């Protein structure tokens, strides 16, 4: 009996030690037609404590990277973000078309409007501790106006 109680207390302590650190709002993925190899995912991220978005994955894509689009003279260039995207404590960072976004490449199938794309976002804090957020983002042709694709769940695993 004491062993079960101790196990329960330990489990509760672990779940509270890794309190929710990142809120994901207004997530969505741009539609992709059959044969299209890439699309973007967009969302608003707010970190309770400063963390970095270091990687992402999705069963819908062979490769998922955090990218930035910015003007280089007269040319809009897109590149992968090296070392992770900083999320300062308490500040919302918006991933949007024409700026930072999650790039889904080597798509495995079409992504029609009103379907859903599961993604796992991986964050790392200043101590190097990783945490994950599971997101189910609706597919749309433009940013949804309703609050869909909000924060779903957080896996507090360390790697």
Protein backbone atom coordinates (compact mmCIF):
# COMPACT_ATOMS: atom_id res chain seq x y z
CA UNK A 1 0.00 0.00 0.00
CA UNK A 2 2.77 2.46 0.88
CA UNK A 3 4.58 1.70 -2.38
CA UNK A 4 1.50 2.60 -4.46
CA UNK A 5 1.06 5.84 -2.54
CA UNK A 6 4.72 6.72 -3.04
CA UNK A 7 4.44 5.99 -6.78
CA UNK A 8 1.38 8.23 -7.05
CA UNK A 9 3.10 11.10 -5.19
CA UNK A 10 6.16 10.72 -7.44
CA UNK A 11 3.99 10.79 -10.57
CA UNK A 12 2.17 13.92 -9.37
CA UNK A 13 5.45 15.64 -8.50
CA UNK A 14 6.82 14.95 -11.99
CA UNK A 15 3.73 16.31 -13.71
CA UNK A 16 3.78 19.53 -11.73
CA UNK A 17 7.54 19.99 -12.06
CA UNK A 18 7.10 20.30 -15.82
CA UNK A 19 4.20 22.72 -15.79
CA UNK A 20 2.88 23.85 -19.14
CA UNK A 21 5.49 26.13 -20.63
CA UNK A 22 4.23 26.90 -24.15
CA UNK A 23 0.75 27.85 -25.31
CA UNK A 24 -0.13 27.29 -28.97
CA UNK A 25 -3.02 29.28 -30.46
CA UNK A 26 -4.63 29.74 -33.87
CA UNK A 27 -2.64 26.94 -35.52
CA UNK A 28 -3.38 26.16 -39.17
CA UNK A 29 -1.77 24.55 -42.20
CA UNK A 30 -2.11 25.84 -45.76
CA UNK A 31 -3.89 23.45 -48.16
CA UNK A 32 -1.78 21.32 -50.51
CA UNK A 33 -2.99 19.60 -53.68
CA UNK A 34 -1.98 16.13 -54.86
CA UNK A 35 1.62 16.21 -56.09
CA UNK A 36 2.50 19.36 -54.12
CA UNK A 37 5.62 18.66 -52.08
CA UNK A 38 5.54 21.40 -49.43
CA UNK A 39 3.32 23.72 -47.44
CA UNK A 40 3.49 25.90 -44.33
CA UNK A 41 2.06 25.68 -40.82
CA UNK A 42 1.34 28.83 -38.86
CA UNK A 43 0.44 29.59 -35.24
CA UNK A 44 0.97 31.87 -32.25
CA UNK A 45 3.37 30.63 -29.57
CA UNK A 46 3.60 32.07 -26.08
CA UNK A 47 6.20 30.66 -23.68
CA UNK A 48 5.73 31.03 -19.93
CA UNK A 49 9.51 30.89 -19.53
CA UNK A 50 12.01 31.61 -22.28
CA UNK A 51 12.47 28.58 -24.55
CA UNK A 52 13.42 27.81 -28.15
CA UNK A 53 11.35 25.99 -30.74
CA UNK A 54 14.10 23.58 -31.82
CA UNK A 55 12.27 21.13 -34.09
CA UNK A 56 8.96 19.79 -35.29
CA UNK A 57 7.65 16.62 -36.86
CA UNK A 58 4.46 15.38 -38.50
CA UNK A 59 3.32 12.08 -39.95
CA UNK A 60 2.01 14.13 -42.92
CA UNK A 61 5.52 15.14 -44.05
CA UNK A 62 8.90 13.50 -44.50
CA UNK A 63 10.76 16.64 -43.39
CA UNK A 64 9.57 19.38 -41.02
CA UNK A 65 11.69 22.47 -40.33
CA UNK A 66 11.28 25.89 -38.72
CA UNK A 67 11.85 28.49 -41.47
CA UNK A 68 12.07 32.25 -41.80
CA UNK A 69 11.12 34.36 -44.80
CA UNK A 70 12.64 37.82 -45.07
CA UNK A 71 13.63 40.38 -47.65
CA UNK A 72 17.21 40.27 -48.91
CA UNK A 73 17.40 43.42 -51.04
CA UNK A 74 14.52 43.05 -53.51
CA UNK A 75 14.24 39.28 -53.10
CA UNK A 76 12.15 37.37 -50.55
CA UNK A 77 14.29 34.50 -49.25
CA UNK A 78 13.36 31.51 -47.14
CA UNK A 79 15.84 29.68 -44.94
CA UNK A 80 15.84 27.20 -42.08
CA UNK A 81 16.27 28.77 -38.63
CA UNK A 82 19.58 27.58 -37.18
CA UNK A 83 19.75 26.77 -33.46
CA UNK A 84 16.02 27.17 -32.82
CA UNK A 85 13.51 30.00 -32.76
CA UNK A 86 13.69 32.11 -29.58
CA UNK A 87 10.43 32.46 -27.64
CA UNK A 88 11.02 35.16 -24.99
CA UNK A 89 9.16 34.66 -21.70
CA UNK A 90 5.60 35.97 -21.81
CA UNK A 91 5.79 37.32 -25.37
CA UNK A 92 3.72 35.92 -28.22
CA UNK A 93 5.72 34.99 -31.30
CA UNK A 94 3.55 34.69 -34.39
CA UNK A 95 4.45 32.19 -37.08
CA UNK A 96 2.73 33.60 -40.18
CA UNK A 97 2.96 33.70 -43.97
CA UNK A 98 5.89 35.89 -45.00
CA UNK A 99 7.68 35.44 -41.65
CA UNK A 100 8.59 32.58 -39.36
CA UNK A 101 6.68 29.36 -40.06
CA UNK A 102 6.89 25.59 -39.82
CA UNK A 103 7.68 24.15 -43.25
CA UNK A 104 6.19 20.74 -44.06
CA UNK A 105 8.19 19.18 -46.91
CA UNK A 106 8.08 15.86 -48.74
CA UNK A 107 4.32 15.73 -48.15
CA UNK A 108 2.95 12.19 -48.12
CA UNK A 109 -0.53 13.13 -49.46
CA UNK A 110 -2.75 16.06 -50.43
CA UNK A 111 -3.89 18.27 -47.55
CA UNK A 112 -7.45 19.28 -48.45
CA UNK A 113 -9.35 22.09 -46.74
CA UNK A 114 -11.04 21.02 -43.51
CA UNK A 115 -8.66 18.10 -42.91
CA UNK A 116 -6.32 18.11 -39.90
CA UNK A 117 -2.54 17.79 -39.62
CA UNK A 118 -1.00 16.45 -36.40
CA UNK A 119 2.36 17.95 -35.46
CA UNK A 120 4.76 17.60 -32.57
CA UNK A 121 6.64 20.76 -31.61
CA UNK A 122 9.84 20.32 -29.60
CA UNK A 123 11.03 23.09 -27.28
CA UNK A 124 14.25 23.41 -25.27
CA UNK A 125 14.74 25.60 -22.21
CA UNK A 126 17.94 27.36 -21.10
CA UNK A 127 19.00 24.25 -19.14
CA UNK A 128 18.66 22.05 -22.24
CA UNK A 129 15.50 20.31 -21.03
CA UNK A 130 13.20 19.38 -23.92
CA UNK A 131 9.42 19.41 -23.84
CA UNK A 132 6.87 18.63 -26.54
CA UNK A 133 3.52 20.04 -27.55
CA UNK A 134 1.15 17.98 -29.69
CA UNK A 135 -0.89 20.13 -32.07
CA UNK A 136 -3.74 19.17 -34.37
CA UNK A 137 -3.86 21.99 -36.91
CA UNK A 138 -6.80 22.46 -39.28
CA UNK A 139 -6.02 22.79 -42.98
CA UNK A 140 -7.27 26.02 -44.60
CA UNK A 141 -6.54 28.28 -47.56
CA UNK A 142 -6.02 31.26 -45.23
CA UNK A 143 -5.72 31.93 -41.50
CA UNK A 144 -8.88 30.82 -39.71
CA UNK A 145 -10.86 33.57 -38.04
CA UNK A 146 -12.34 31.29 -35.37
CA UNK A 147 -10.14 30.04 -32.56
CA UNK A 148 -9.33 26.63 -33.93
CA UNK A 149 -6.16 24.63 -33.61
CA UNK A 150 -5.55 25.89 -30.08
CA UNK A 151 -3.21 24.20 -27.63
CA UNK A 152 -3.97 20.53 -27.39
CA UNK A 153 -1.68 18.69 -25.03
CA UNK A 154 1.81 18.73 -23.67
CA UNK A 155 4.07 15.73 -23.22
CA UNK A 156 6.48 16.61 -20.44
CA UNK A 157 9.17 14.14 -21.48
CA UNK A 158 12.86 14.87 -21.18
CA UNK A 159 15.38 13.56 -23.67
